[in-house]
Amino acid sequence: MEIVRYYQSGNREHWKREIGKGDWSAAKLLFTLLDRNELKTFCG
């Protein structure tokens, strides 16, 4: 398993697409927060 630091990644769009492929509810929520640029606001 590889740990990717999304905000430090040079390829955020790629990783966002990969997260969006997830079929579990947490992946869908994470994708939505990243897509709307609301993750930091949501998580603090």
PDB file of N, CA and C in Angstrom:
ATOM      1  N   MET A   1       0.846  -1.159   0.000  1.00  0.00           N
ATOM      2  CA  MET A   1       0.000   0.000   0.000  1.00  0.00           C
ATOM      3  C   MET A   1       0.903   1.237   0.000  1.00  0.00           C
ATOM      4  N   GLU A   2       0.481   2.223  -0.754  1.00  0.00           N
ATOM      5  CA  GLU A   2       1.201   3.486  -0.823  1.00  0.00           C
ATOM      6  C   GLU A   2       0.352   4.578  -0.184  1.00  0.00           C
ATOM      7  N   ILE A   3       0.940   5.371   0.667  1.00  0.00           N
ATOM      8  CA  ILE A   3       0.246   6.501   1.278  1.00  0.00           C
ATOM      9  C   ILE A   3       0.564   7.743   0.461  1.00  0.00           C
ATOM     10  N   VAL A   4      -0.477   8.404  -0.008  1.00  0.00           N
ATOM     11  CA  VAL A   4      -0.310   9.600  -0.834  1.00  0.00           C
ATOM     12  C   VAL A   4      -0.819  10.797  -0.044  1.00  0.00           C
ATOM     13  N   ARG A   5      -0.032  11.809   0.058  1.00  0.00           N
ATOM     14  CA  ARG A   5      -0.446  13.053   0.710  1.00  0.00           C
ATOM     15  C   ARG A   5      -1.083  13.934  -0.361  1.00  0.00           C
ATOM     16  N   TYR A   6      -2.383  13.943  -0.367  1.00  0.00           N
ATOM     17  CA  TYR A   6      -3.138  14.589  -1.436  1.00  0.00           C
ATOM     18  C   TYR A   6      -2.706  16.031  -1.664  1.00  0.00           C
ATOM     19  N   TYR A   7      -2.643  16.825  -0.613  1.00  0.00           N
ATOM     20  CA  TYR A   7      -2.346  18.249  -0.771  1.00  0.00           C
ATOM     21  C   TYR A   7      -0.888  18.512  -1.128  1.00  0.00           C
ATOM     22  N   GLN A   8      -0.042  17.520  -0.981  1.00  0.00           N
ATOM     23  CA  GLN A   8       1.358  17.670  -1.363  1.00  0.00           C
ATOM     24  C   GLN A   8       1.653  16.966  -2.678  1.00  0.00           C
ATOM     25  N   SER A   9       0.652  16.303  -3.204  1.00  0.00           N
ATOM     26  CA  SER A   9       0.810  15.570  -4.457  1.00  0.00           C
ATOM     27  C   SER A   9       0.844  16.530  -5.637  1.00  0.00           C
ATOM     28  N   GLY A  10       1.648  16.225  -6.603  1.00  0.00           N
ATOM     29  CA  GLY A  10       1.693  17.035  -7.809  1.00  0.00           C
ATOM     30  C   GLY A  10       0.609  16.657  -8.803  1.00  0.00           C
ATOM     31  N   ASN A  11      -0.183  15.637  -8.468  1.00  0.00           N
ATOM     32  CA  ASN A  11      -1.185  15.131  -9.394  1.00  0.00           C
ATOM     33  C   ASN A  11      -2.529  14.940  -8.680  1.00  0.00           C
ATOM     34  N   ARG A  12      -3.033  16.007  -8.114  1.00  0.00           N
ATOM     35  CA  ARG A  12      -4.264  15.933  -7.332  1.00  0.00           C
ATOM     36  C   ARG A  12      -5.476  15.444  -8.141  1.00  0.00           C
ATOM     37  N   GLU A  13      -5.583  15.883  -9.373  1.00  0.00           N
ATOM     38  CA  GLU A  13      -6.736  15.471 -10.188  1.00  0.00           C
ATOM     39  C   GLU A  13      -6.756  13.959 -10.386  1.00  0.00           C
ATOM     40  N   HIS A  14      -5.600  13.373 -10.599  1.00  0.00           N
ATOM     41  CA  HIS A  14      -5.515  11.917 -10.744  1.00  0.00           C
ATOM     42  C   HIS A  14      -6.032  11.230  -9.483  1.00  0.00           C
ATOM     43  N   TRP A  15      -5.535  11.666  -8.330  1.00  0.00           N
ATOM     44  CA  TRP A  15      -5.926  11.019  -7.085  1.00  0.00           C
ATOM     45  C   TRP A  15      -7.388  11.270  -6.757  1.00  0.00           C
ATOM     46  N   LYS A  16      -7.892  12.437  -7.108  1.00  0.00           N
ATOM     47  CA  LYS A  16      -9.323  12.706  -6.894  1.00  0.00           C
ATOM     48  C   LYS A  16     -10.168  11.751  -7.731  1.00  0.00           C
ATOM     49  N   ARG A  17      -9.760  11.514  -8.983  1.00  0.00           N
ATOM     50  CA  ARG A  17     -10.481  10.562  -9.841  1.00  0.00           C
ATOM     51  C   ARG A  17     -10.424   9.151  -9.258  1.00  0.00           C
ATOM     52  N   GLU A  18      -9.269   8.778  -8.746  1.00  0.00           N
ATOM     53  CA  GLU A  18      -9.130   7.448  -8.152  1.00  0.00           C
ATOM     54  C   GLU A  18     -10.038   7.294  -6.930  1.00  0.00           C
ATOM     55  N   ILE A  19     -10.095   8.308  -6.097  1.00  0.00           N
ATOM     56  CA  ILE A  19     -10.976   8.277  -4.925  1.00  0.00           C
ATOM     57  C   ILE A  19     -12.427   8.191  -5.376  1.00  0.00           C
ATOM     58  N   GLY A  20     -12.769   8.914  -6.442  1.00  0.00           N
ATOM     59  CA  GLY A  20     -14.132   8.905  -6.965  1.00  0.00           C
ATOM     60  C   GLY A  20     -14.584   7.551  -7.472  1.00  0.00           C
ATOM     61  N   LYS A  21     -13.658   6.663  -7.763  1.00  0.00           N
ATOM     62  CA  LYS A  21     -13.990   5.316  -8.235  1.00  0.00           C
ATOM     63  C   LYS A  21     -14.446   4.408  -7.097  1.00  0.00           C
ATOM     64  N   GLY A  22     -14.185   4.828  -5.869  1.00  0.00           N
ATOM     65  CA  GLY A  22     -14.550   3.998  -4.716  1.00  0.00           C
ATOM     66  C   GLY A  22     -16.049   3.801  -4.631  1.00  0.00           C
ATOM     67  N   ASP A  23     -16.454   2.602  -4.215  1.00  0.00           N
ATOM     68  CA  ASP A  23     -17.882   2.308  -4.137  1.00  0.00           C
ATOM     69  C   ASP A  23     -18.426   2.357  -2.711  1.00  0.00           C
ATOM     70  N   TRP A  24     -17.633   2.821  -1.780  1.00  0.00           N
ATOM     71  CA  TRP A  24     -18.092   2.908  -0.397  1.00  0.00           C
ATOM     72  C   TRP A  24     -18.412   4.358  -0.050  1.00  0.00           C
ATOM     73  N   SER A  25     -19.282   4.554   0.892  1.00  0.00           N
ATOM     74  CA  SER A  25     -19.820   5.887   1.185  1.00  0.00           C
ATOM     75  C   SER A  25     -18.745   6.882   1.617  1.00  0.00           C
ATOM     76  N   ALA A  26     -17.735   6.448   2.353  1.00  0.00           N
ATOM     77  CA  ALA A  26     -16.682   7.366   2.787  1.00  0.00           C
ATOM     78  C   ALA A  26     -15.887   7.897   1.593  1.00  0.00           C
ATOM     79  N   ALA A  27     -15.668   7.060   0.586  1.00  0.00           N
ATOM     80  CA  ALA A  27     -14.965   7.511  -0.624  1.00  0.00           C
ATOM     81  C   ALA A  27     -15.790   8.557  -1.352  1.00  0.00           C
ATOM     82  N   LYS A  28     -17.087   8.343  -1.411  1.00  0.00           N
ATOM     83  CA  LYS A  28     -17.971   9.314  -2.078  1.00  0.00           C
ATOM     84  C   LYS A  28     -17.946  10.650  -1.334  1.00  0.00           C
ATOM     85  N   LEU A  29     -17.996  10.607  -0.017  1.00  0.00           N
ATOM     86  CA  LEU A  29     -17.936  11.836   0.779  1.00  0.00           C
ATOM     87  C   LEU A  29     -16.592  12.532   0.583  1.00  0.00           C
ATOM     88  N   LEU A  30     -15.518  11.781   0.649  1.00  0.00           N
ATOM     89  CA  LEU A  30     -14.188  12.360   0.463  1.00  0.00           C
ATOM     90  C   LEU A  30     -14.065  12.997  -0.915  1.00  0.00           C
ATOM     91  N   PHE A  31     -14.537  12.311  -1.945  1.00  0.00           N
ATOM     92  CA  PHE A  31     -14.488  12.862  -3.293  1.00  0.00           C
ATOM     93  C   PHE A  31     -15.262  14.178  -3.367  1.00  0.00           C
ATOM     94  N   THR A  32     -16.449  14.207  -2.793  1.00  0.00           N
ATOM     95  CA  THR A  32     -17.277  15.413  -2.819  1.00  0.00           C
ATOM     96  C   THR A  32     -16.571  16.568  -2.113  1.00  0.00           C
ATOM     97  N   LEU A  33     -16.001  16.302  -0.946  1.00  0.00           N
ATOM     98  CA  LEU A  33     -15.301  17.352  -0.205  1.00  0.00           C
ATOM     99  C   LEU A  33     -14.090  17.864  -0.976  1.00  0.00           C
ATOM    100  N   LEU A  34     -13.346  16.966  -1.603  1.00  0.00           N
ATOM    101  CA  LEU A  34     -12.189  17.384  -2.397  1.00  0.00           C
ATOM    102  C   LEU A  34     -12.628  18.158  -3.632  1.00  0.00           C
ATOM    103  N   ASP A  35     -13.678  17.693  -4.274  1.00  0.00           N
ATOM    104  CA  ASP A  35     -14.165  18.335  -5.490  1.00  0.00           C
ATOM    105  C   ASP A  35     -14.659  19.754  -5.224  1.00  0.00           C
ATOM    106  N   ARG A  36     -15.255  19.945  -4.060  1.00  0.00           N
ATOM    107  CA  ARG A  36     -15.776  21.271  -3.686  1.00  0.00           C
ATOM    108  C   ARG A  36     -14.742  22.099  -2.918  1.00  0.00           C
ATOM    109  N   ASN A  37     -13.558  21.528  -2.720  1.00  0.00           N
ATOM    110  CA  ASN A  37     -12.486  22.183  -1.972  1.00  0.00           C
ATOM    111  C   ASN A  37     -12.947  22.538  -0.552  1.00  0.00           C
ATOM    112  N   GLU A  38     -13.649  21.592   0.092  1.00  0.00           N
ATOM    113  CA  GLU A  38     -14.211  21.816   1.422  1.00  0.00           C
ATOM    114  C   GLU A  38     -13.649  20.877   2.482  1.00  0.00           C
ATOM    115  N   LEU A  39     -12.655  20.079   2.140  1.00  0.00           N
ATOM    116  CA  LEU A  39     -12.154  19.079   3.103  1.00  0.00           C
ATOM    117  C   LEU A  39     -11.575  19.739   4.340  1.00  0.00           C
ATOM    118  N   LYS A  40     -10.739  20.738   4.165  1.00  0.00           N
ATOM    119  CA  LYS A  40     -10.112  21.396   5.324  1.00  0.00           C
ATOM    120  C   LYS A  40     -11.160  22.085   6.201  1.00  0.00           C
ATOM    121  N   THR A  41     -12.171  22.671   5.588  1.00  0.00           N
ATOM    122  CA  THR A  41     -13.245  23.304   6.352  1.00  0.00           C
ATOM    123  C   THR A  41     -14.033  22.250   7.124  1.00  0.00           C
ATOM    124  N   PHE A  42     -14.318  21.125   6.474  1.00  0.00           N
ATOM    125  CA  PHE A  42     -15.099  20.053   7.093  1.00  0.00           C
ATOM    126  C   PHE A  42     -14.352  19.407   8.251  1.00  0.00           C
ATOM    127  N   CYS A  43     -13.067  19.182   8.055  1.00  0.00           N
ATOM    128  CA  CYS A  43     -12.261  18.457   9.051  1.00  0.00           C
ATOM    129  C   CYS A  43     -11.559  19.363  10.054  1.00  0.00           C
ATOM    130  N   GLY A  44     -11.425  20.618   9.703  1.00  0.00           N
ATOM    131  CA  GLY A  44     -10.761  21.550  10.617  1.00  0.00           C
ATOM    132  C   GLY A  44      -9.304  21.716  10.368  1.00  0.00           C
TER     133      GLY A  44
END
